[in-house]
Amino acid sequence: MSEEIRLTSAGDTAFKWILGYFYQDFESDWNLFVDTPQAVPVVGTGDGFTQYQPTKILQTLSSAKPLTRFSINSPRRPDCVDFITRAR
């Protein structure tokens, strides 16, 4: 489950702001069993391989940022990373 909420200022003022909150709760139980019944006479068990891998991830993020006219009108925001490769 994940949730995200963003609140932003309204109106045409010099000072604008943005608030955000992100929450994620993920849980998984991954089990792998390899059954080898023909191995019982040799090794005494038919369980060739067992892997139990529980995973739990809980993430939260809160952010607050004032925005200026520069950061709103700028073609490249200085706080963002540009992953686009431009052809020369």
N, C-alpha and C. Protein backbone atom coordinates (compact mmCIF):
# COMPACT_ATOMS: atom_id res chain seq x y z
N MET A 1 0.84 -1.16 0.00
CA MET A 1 0.00 0.00 0.00
C MET A 1 0.90 1.23 0.00
N SER A 2 0.54 2.22 -0.79
CA SER A 2 1.27 3.48 -0.75
C SER A 2 0.29 4.63 -0.93
N GLU A 3 0.62 5.72 -0.30
CA GLU A 3 -0.20 6.92 -0.35
C GLU A 3 0.71 8.13 -0.51
N GLU A 4 0.23 9.13 -1.21
CA GLU A 4 0.97 10.38 -1.36
C GLU A 4 -0.01 11.53 -1.38
N ILE A 5 0.37 12.60 -0.71
CA ILE A 5 -0.47 13.80 -0.69
C ILE A 5 0.44 15.01 -0.88
N ARG A 6 -0.05 15.97 -1.66
CA ARG A 6 0.68 17.22 -1.87
C ARG A 6 -0.28 18.38 -1.70
N LEU A 7 0.18 19.39 -0.99
CA LEU A 7 -0.56 20.63 -0.82
C LEU A 7 0.28 21.77 -1.38
N THR A 8 -0.34 22.63 -2.15
CA THR A 8 0.40 23.75 -2.73
C THR A 8 -0.35 25.05 -2.46
N SER A 9 0.41 26.14 -2.47
CA SER A 9 -0.20 27.45 -2.27
C SER A 9 -1.01 27.84 -3.51
N ALA A 10 -1.92 28.74 -3.32
CA ALA A 10 -2.76 29.21 -4.42
C ALA A 10 -2.63 30.73 -4.52
N GLY A 11 -3.01 31.25 -5.65
CA GLY A 11 -2.98 32.69 -5.83
C GLY A 11 -1.72 33.14 -6.55
N ASP A 12 -1.72 34.42 -6.94
CA ASP A 12 -0.59 34.99 -7.67
C ASP A 12 0.22 35.87 -6.73
N THR A 13 1.02 35.23 -5.89
CA THR A 13 1.86 35.96 -4.95
C THR A 13 3.32 35.66 -5.23
N ALA A 14 4.21 36.46 -4.68
CA ALA A 14 5.64 36.24 -4.88
C ALA A 14 6.12 34.99 -4.13
N PHE A 15 5.47 34.65 -3.05
CA PHE A 15 5.87 33.50 -2.24
C PHE A 15 4.88 32.36 -2.44
N LYS A 16 5.38 31.25 -2.92
CA LYS A 16 4.56 30.05 -3.07
C LYS A 16 5.24 28.92 -2.32
N TRP A 17 4.49 27.89 -1.96
CA TRP A 17 5.04 26.78 -1.20
C TRP A 17 4.40 25.48 -1.64
N ILE A 18 5.06 24.40 -1.28
CA ILE A 18 4.55 23.06 -1.54
C ILE A 18 4.89 22.18 -0.34
N LEU A 19 3.92 21.40 0.12
CA LEU A 19 4.11 20.44 1.21
C LEU A 19 3.76 19.05 0.67
N GLY A 20 4.48 18.06 1.12
CA GLY A 20 4.20 16.72 0.65
C GLY A 20 4.44 15.67 1.72
N TYR A 21 3.76 14.55 1.57
CA TYR A 21 3.94 13.41 2.47
C TYR A 21 3.75 12.13 1.65
N PHE A 22 4.66 11.17 1.84
CA PHE A 22 4.60 9.88 1.15
C PHE A 22 4.70 8.77 2.19
N TYR A 23 3.90 7.73 2.01
CA TYR A 23 3.88 6.58 2.93
C TYR A 23 3.78 5.31 2.09
N GLN A 24 4.62 4.31 2.39
CA GLN A 24 4.53 3.02 1.74
C GLN A 24 4.74 1.91 2.76
N ASP A 25 3.88 0.92 2.73
CA ASP A 25 3.98 -0.25 3.59
C ASP A 25 3.88 -1.48 2.69
N PHE A 26 4.99 -2.21 2.55
CA PHE A 26 5.05 -3.36 1.65
C PHE A 26 5.51 -4.57 2.45
N GLU A 27 4.84 -5.69 2.22
CA GLU A 27 5.22 -6.93 2.90
C GLU A 27 5.07 -8.10 1.93
N SER A 28 6.07 -8.98 1.92
CA SER A 28 6.05 -10.13 1.02
C SER A 28 6.73 -11.31 1.71
N ASP A 29 6.18 -12.48 1.53
CA ASP A 29 6.79 -13.73 1.99
C ASP A 29 7.05 -14.58 0.77
N TRP A 30 8.32 -14.72 0.42
CA TRP A 30 8.71 -15.49 -0.75
C TRP A 30 9.30 -16.80 -0.26
N ASN A 31 8.70 -17.92 -0.68
CA ASN A 31 9.14 -19.24 -0.25
C ASN A 31 9.51 -20.08 -1.46
N LEU A 32 10.63 -20.77 -1.37
CA LEU A 32 11.06 -21.66 -2.44
C LEU A 32 11.41 -23.01 -1.83
N PHE A 33 10.73 -24.06 -2.32
CA PHE A 33 10.98 -25.42 -1.85
C PHE A 33 11.29 -26.30 -3.05
N VAL A 34 12.35 -27.09 -2.95
CA VAL A 34 12.69 -28.06 -3.99
C VAL A 34 12.56 -29.43 -3.35
N ASP A 35 11.56 -30.16 -3.80
CA ASP A 35 11.27 -31.49 -3.25
C ASP A 35 12.01 -32.54 -4.07
N THR A 36 12.82 -33.36 -3.40
CA THR A 36 13.58 -34.42 -4.08
C THR A 36 13.35 -35.75 -3.35
N PRO A 37 12.22 -36.40 -3.58
CA PRO A 37 11.92 -37.64 -2.86
C PRO A 37 12.90 -38.77 -3.16
N GLN A 38 13.55 -38.76 -4.32
CA GLN A 38 14.51 -39.83 -4.65
C GLN A 38 15.79 -39.72 -3.83
N ALA A 39 16.00 -38.61 -3.12
CA ALA A 39 17.21 -38.44 -2.30
C ALA A 39 17.05 -39.00 -0.89
N VAL A 40 15.85 -39.42 -0.50
CA VAL A 40 15.62 -39.91 0.87
C VAL A 40 16.51 -41.10 1.22
N PRO A 41 16.67 -42.11 0.36
CA PRO A 41 17.55 -43.23 0.75
C PRO A 41 19.02 -42.84 0.88
N VAL A 42 19.45 -41.80 0.18
CA VAL A 42 20.86 -41.42 0.18
C VAL A 42 21.19 -40.47 1.33
N VAL A 43 20.41 -39.38 1.47
CA VAL A 43 20.73 -38.34 2.46
C VAL A 43 19.77 -38.31 3.64
N GLY A 44 18.71 -39.07 3.58
CA GLY A 44 17.79 -39.16 4.71
C GLY A 44 16.68 -38.13 4.71
N THR A 45 16.61 -37.27 3.72
CA THR A 45 15.54 -36.28 3.64
C THR A 45 15.17 -36.05 2.17
N GLY A 46 13.95 -35.67 1.95
CA GLY A 46 13.48 -35.37 0.61
C GLY A 46 13.44 -33.87 0.33
N ASP A 47 13.94 -33.10 1.29
CA ASP A 47 13.95 -31.65 1.13
C ASP A 47 15.29 -31.24 0.52
N GLY A 48 15.33 -31.04 -0.80
CA GLY A 48 16.57 -30.71 -1.48
C GLY A 48 17.02 -29.29 -1.20
N PHE A 49 16.09 -28.38 -1.10
CA PHE A 49 16.45 -26.98 -0.88
C PHE A 49 15.23 -26.25 -0.36
N THR A 50 15.42 -25.40 0.65
CA THR A 50 14.35 -24.58 1.19
C THR A 50 14.88 -23.17 1.41
N GLN A 51 14.14 -22.20 0.92
CA GLN A 51 14.49 -20.80 1.16
C GLN A 51 13.23 -20.04 1.55
N TYR A 52 13.30 -19.38 2.69
CA TYR A 52 12.20 -18.55 3.16
C TYR A 52 12.74 -17.13 3.27
N GLN A 53 12.14 -16.20 2.53
CA GLN A 53 12.67 -14.85 2.47
C GLN A 53 11.55 -13.84 2.74
N PRO A 54 11.31 -13.53 4.02
CA PRO A 54 10.31 -12.51 4.32
C PRO A 54 10.88 -11.11 4.08
N THR A 55 10.06 -10.23 3.55
CA THR A 55 10.48 -8.85 3.26
C THR A 55 9.43 -7.90 3.79
N LYS A 56 9.87 -6.88 4.51
CA LYS A 56 8.97 -5.83 4.98
C LYS A 56 9.67 -4.50 4.76
N ILE A 57 9.00 -3.60 4.05
CA ILE A 57 9.53 -2.27 3.78
C ILE A 57 8.50 -1.25 4.24
N LEU A 58 8.93 -0.35 5.10
CA LEU A 58 8.08 0.74 5.55
C LEU A 58 8.83 2.04 5.28
N GLN A 59 8.26 2.90 4.45
CA GLN A 59 8.91 4.16 4.08
C GLN A 59 7.97 5.33 4.35
N THR A 60 8.53 6.40 4.86
CA THR A 60 7.78 7.64 4.98
C THR A 60 8.70 8.79 4.57
N LEU A 61 8.11 9.83 4.02
CA LEU A 61 8.86 11.02 3.62
C LEU A 61 7.97 12.23 3.78
N SER A 62 8.47 13.22 4.46
CA SER A 62 7.78 14.50 4.58
C SER A 62 8.65 15.56 3.94
N SER A 63 8.04 16.50 3.24
CA SER A 63 8.82 17.56 2.62
C SER A 63 8.05 18.87 2.66
N ALA A 64 8.79 19.94 2.77
CA ALA A 64 8.23 21.29 2.70
C ALA A 64 9.24 22.15 1.95
N LYS A 65 8.74 22.93 1.01
CA LYS A 65 9.66 23.72 0.20
C LYS A 65 9.01 25.04 -0.19
N PRO A 66 9.71 26.14 0.07
CA PRO A 66 9.23 27.41 -0.49
C PRO A 66 9.63 27.49 -1.95
N LEU A 67 8.77 28.03 -2.77
CA LEU A 67 9.06 28.21 -4.18
C LEU A 67 9.17 29.69 -4.49
N THR A 68 10.16 30.05 -5.27
CA THR A 68 10.31 31.44 -5.69
C THR A 68 9.89 31.54 -7.15
N ARG A 69 9.76 32.75 -7.65
CA ARG A 69 9.41 32.92 -9.07
C ARG A 69 10.48 32.30 -9.96
N PHE A 70 11.75 32.30 -9.52
CA PHE A 70 12.82 31.68 -10.31
C PHE A 70 12.58 30.18 -10.45
N SER A 71 12.28 29.49 -9.38
CA SER A 71 12.13 28.04 -9.46
C SER A 71 10.85 27.64 -10.17
N ILE A 72 9.82 28.50 -10.17
CA ILE A 72 8.57 28.19 -10.86
C ILE A 72 8.72 28.39 -12.36
N ASN A 73 9.39 29.47 -12.80
CA ASN A 73 9.49 29.81 -14.22
C ASN A 73 10.72 29.25 -14.90
N SER A 74 11.62 28.67 -14.16
CA SER A 74 12.87 28.17 -14.73
C SER A 74 12.61 26.92 -15.58
N PRO A 75 13.23 26.85 -16.78
CA PRO A 75 13.03 25.65 -17.58
C PRO A 75 13.67 24.41 -16.95
N ARG A 76 14.74 24.58 -16.17
CA ARG A 76 15.36 23.48 -15.43
C ARG A 76 15.40 23.84 -13.97
N ARG A 77 14.69 23.10 -13.17
CA ARG A 77 14.71 23.37 -11.73
C ARG A 77 16.04 22.93 -11.17
N PRO A 78 16.71 23.75 -10.37
CA PRO A 78 18.03 23.40 -9.87
C PRO A 78 18.05 22.22 -8.90
N ASP A 79 16.90 21.83 -8.35
CA ASP A 79 16.88 20.72 -7.40
C ASP A 79 16.53 19.39 -8.06
N CYS A 80 16.40 19.35 -9.38
CA CYS A 80 16.06 18.12 -10.08
C CYS A 80 17.26 17.62 -10.87
N VAL A 81 17.35 16.33 -11.02
CA VAL A 81 18.42 15.72 -11.78
C VAL A 81 17.90 15.42 -13.19
N ASP A 82 18.65 15.81 -14.18
CA ASP A 82 18.23 15.62 -15.56
C ASP A 82 18.85 14.33 -16.11
N PHE A 83 18.02 13.35 -16.41
CA PHE A 83 18.51 12.07 -16.90
C PHE A 83 18.40 11.97 -18.43
N ILE A 84 18.03 13.03 -19.10
CA ILE A 84 17.85 12.99 -20.54
C ILE A 84 19.19 13.25 -21.22
N THR A 85 19.56 12.39 -22.14
CA THR A 85 20.79 12.57 -22.90
C THR A 85 20.44 13.29 -24.19
N ARG A 86 21.08 14.41 -24.43
CA ARG A 86 20.79 15.20 -25.62
C ARG A 86 21.77 14.84 -26.73
N ALA A 87 21.25 14.75 -27.96
CA ALA A 87 22.10 14.47 -29.12
C ALA A 87 22.90 15.73 -29.47
N ARG A 88 24.15 15.54 -29.91
CA ARG A 88 24.99 16.69 -30.30
C ARG A 88 24.94 16.90 -31.78
